[in-house]
């Protein structure tokens, strides 16, 4: 059993813990994060003594600054990219994106999924990287709708 608890002062860990909730049990999400921190602590190849900065650097690489809103104009549906200005909303959007990708993976426990994707992001590969590139392409393709006025 892991004896060290999550530092409750770190905002992103609290946010990730609340988004990880499974059946409303905060203790389950805290156990997952504790196991992740424990495995990161003993993985010297990845982390240079500061786990929080390591996770922040990974999250910055996969952060999503845009969200997609769908507007209907007549019979046509247009997907409009909307720039997120609030850093908290960017962080929440990034966590939701991360959790959506991780929940698609099978045959692993959640801590192993997160650790594997973090390693893949640092090496420039993995499902998160592919999905982020696809999302960025969608945003760039639909930029023409950003300045369009809606009635």
Protein backbone atom coordinates (compact mmCIF):
# COMPACT_ATOMS: atom_id res chain seq x y z
CA UNK A 1 0.00 0.00 0.00
CA UNK A 2 1.20 3.47 -0.82
CA UNK A 3 1.79 5.55 2.26
CA UNK A 4 2.38 8.94 0.68
CA UNK A 5 -0.77 10.91 -0.02
CA UNK A 6 -1.41 13.30 -2.90
CA UNK A 7 -0.43 16.86 -2.14
CA UNK A 8 -3.86 18.51 -1.98
CA UNK A 9 -2.37 21.93 -2.75
CA UNK A 10 -1.65 21.07 -6.37
CA UNK A 11 -4.61 22.29 -8.36
CA UNK A 12 -4.32 19.99 -11.33
CA UNK A 13 -4.16 16.85 -9.20
CA UNK A 14 -7.34 17.84 -7.40
CA UNK A 15 -9.00 18.56 -10.72
CA UNK A 16 -7.84 15.28 -12.26
CA UNK A 17 -8.94 13.42 -9.15
CA UNK A 18 -12.45 14.87 -9.40
CA UNK A 19 -12.70 14.05 -13.12
CA UNK A 20 -11.47 10.50 -12.51
CA UNK A 21 -14.35 9.77 -10.14
CA UNK A 22 -15.70 6.30 -10.61
CA UNK A 23 -19.20 5.72 -9.22
CA UNK A 24 -18.82 8.83 -7.08
CA UNK A 25 -15.94 7.40 -5.05
CA UNK A 26 -13.17 9.92 -4.49
CA UNK A 27 -11.11 7.29 -2.69
CA UNK A 28 -10.86 5.18 -5.88
CA UNK A 29 -9.59 8.11 -7.96
CA UNK A 30 -7.12 9.06 -5.20
CA UNK A 31 -5.79 5.49 -5.16
CA UNK A 32 -5.24 5.63 -8.92
CA UNK A 33 -3.36 8.92 -8.64
CA UNK A 34 -1.34 7.67 -5.66
CA UNK A 35 -0.24 4.62 -7.63
CA UNK A 36 0.67 6.85 -10.58
CA UNK A 37 2.76 9.14 -8.37
CA UNK A 38 4.43 6.14 -6.75
CA UNK A 39 5.38 4.62 -10.11
CA UNK A 40 6.64 8.01 -11.37
CA UNK A 41 8.69 8.46 -8.21
CA UNK A 42 10.69 5.30 -8.89
CA UNK A 43 11.04 5.82 -12.63
CA UNK A 44 14.25 7.86 -12.77
CA UNK A 45 14.47 7.77 -16.57
CA UNK A 46 11.39 9.97 -16.92
CA UNK A 47 11.29 12.17 -13.88
CA UNK A 48 14.12 14.36 -12.66
CA UNK A 49 13.06 14.52 -9.00
CA UNK A 50 10.05 16.79 -9.60
CA UNK A 51 6.92 14.84 -10.45
CA UNK A 52 4.60 17.87 -10.59
CA UNK A 53 6.76 19.65 -13.20
CA UNK A 54 6.96 16.43 -15.21
CA UNK A 55 3.17 16.06 -15.31
CA UNK A 56 2.76 19.77 -16.11
CA UNK A 57 5.16 19.47 -19.06
CA UNK A 58 3.27 16.48 -20.43
CA UNK A 59 -0.07 18.25 -20.03
CA UNK A 60 1.26 21.35 -21.79
CA UNK A 61 2.20 19.22 -24.78
CA UNK A 62 -1.32 17.84 -25.11
CA UNK A 63 -3.29 20.91 -24.01
CA UNK A 64 -6.24 21.95 -26.16
CA UNK A 65 -6.70 25.71 -26.52
CA UNK A 66 -9.81 25.35 -28.67
CA UNK A 67 -13.15 23.65 -28.33
CA UNK A 68 -15.59 22.85 -31.12
CA UNK A 69 -19.15 24.16 -31.13
CA UNK A 70 -21.68 23.04 -33.70
CA UNK A 71 -23.96 25.65 -35.28
CA UNK A 72 -26.85 24.90 -37.59
CA UNK A 73 -27.51 27.32 -40.42
CA UNK A 74 -30.44 26.06 -42.45
CA UNK A 75 -29.71 22.43 -43.26
CA UNK A 76 -25.96 22.81 -42.89
CA UNK A 77 -24.16 22.07 -39.64
CA UNK A 78 -20.89 23.90 -39.22
CA UNK A 79 -18.26 23.11 -36.63
CA UNK A 80 -16.85 26.32 -35.23
CA UNK A 81 -13.60 26.36 -33.26
CA UNK A 82 -13.84 28.57 -30.19
CA UNK A 83 -10.67 29.80 -28.47
CA UNK A 84 -10.61 29.11 -24.74
CA UNK A 85 -9.24 32.08 -22.82
CA UNK A 86 -9.59 30.86 -19.23
CA UNK A 87 -6.63 28.68 -18.12
CA UNK A 88 -8.89 26.57 -15.91
CA UNK A 89 -11.16 25.76 -18.86
CA UNK A 90 -8.12 24.83 -20.95
CA UNK A 91 -6.98 22.50 -18.18
CA UNK A 92 -10.42 20.90 -17.78
CA UNK A 93 -10.70 20.47 -21.54
CA UNK A 94 -7.25 18.83 -21.60
CA UNK A 95 -8.14 16.44 -18.77
CA UNK A 96 -11.39 15.45 -20.45
CA UNK A 97 -9.51 14.82 -23.68
CA UNK A 98 -6.94 12.72 -21.79
CA UNK A 99 -9.59 10.68 -19.98
CA UNK A 100 -11.59 10.11 -23.17
CA UNK A 101 -8.54 8.60 -24.88
CA UNK A 102 -7.54 6.55 -21.84
CA UNK A 103 -11.01 5.06 -21.39
CA UNK A 104 -10.90 3.71 -24.96
CA UNK A 105 -7.88 1.54 -24.15
CA UNK A 106 -8.49 -1.99 -22.91
CA UNK A 107 -6.62 -4.66 -20.94
CA UNK A 108 -4.71 -2.39 -18.55
CA UNK A 109 -5.42 -0.78 -15.24
CA UNK A 110 -5.87 2.97 -15.31
CA UNK A 111 -2.55 3.83 -13.70
CA UNK A 112 -0.67 1.85 -16.36
CA UNK A 113 -2.68 3.57 -19.11
CA UNK A 114 -1.79 7.04 -17.82
CA UNK A 115 1.88 6.18 -17.36
CA UNK A 116 2.09 4.59 -20.82
CA UNK A 117 0.50 7.59 -22.50
CA UNK A 118 2.77 10.03 -20.64
CA UNK A 119 5.81 8.09 -21.88
CA UNK A 120 4.41 8.04 -25.42
CA UNK A 121 3.77 11.81 -25.36
CA UNK A 122 7.34 12.48 -24.31
CA UNK A 123 8.60 10.28 -27.15
CA UNK A 124 6.29 11.97 -29.66
CA UNK A 125 4.03 9.03 -30.38
CA UNK A 126 0.90 7.41 -28.99
CA UNK A 127 -2.84 7.77 -29.27
CA UNK A 128 -2.97 11.13 -27.47
CA UNK A 129 -0.56 12.66 -29.98
CA UNK A 130 -2.56 11.34 -32.95
CA UNK A 131 -5.86 12.58 -31.56
CA UNK A 132 -4.40 16.01 -30.78
CA UNK A 133 -3.03 16.33 -34.32
CA UNK A 134 -6.42 15.31 -35.74
CA UNK A 135 -8.14 17.89 -33.51
CA UNK A 136 -5.68 20.61 -34.55
CA UNK A 137 -6.32 19.75 -38.19
CA UNK A 138 -10.08 20.04 -37.62
CA UNK A 139 -9.58 23.45 -35.99
CA UNK A 140 -7.41 24.67 -38.88
CA UNK A 141 -9.88 23.38 -41.48
CA UNK A 142 -12.80 25.16 -39.82
CA UNK A 143 -11.09 28.46 -39.03
CA UNK A 144 -13.07 30.17 -41.77
CA UNK A 145 -16.17 30.00 -39.55
CA UNK A 146 -14.60 31.81 -36.59
CA UNK A 147 -15.35 35.37 -37.68
CA UNK A 148 -18.69 34.60 -39.23
CA UNK A 149 -21.60 36.46 -37.62
CA UNK A 150 -24.60 34.45 -36.52
CA UNK A 151 -28.20 35.69 -36.50
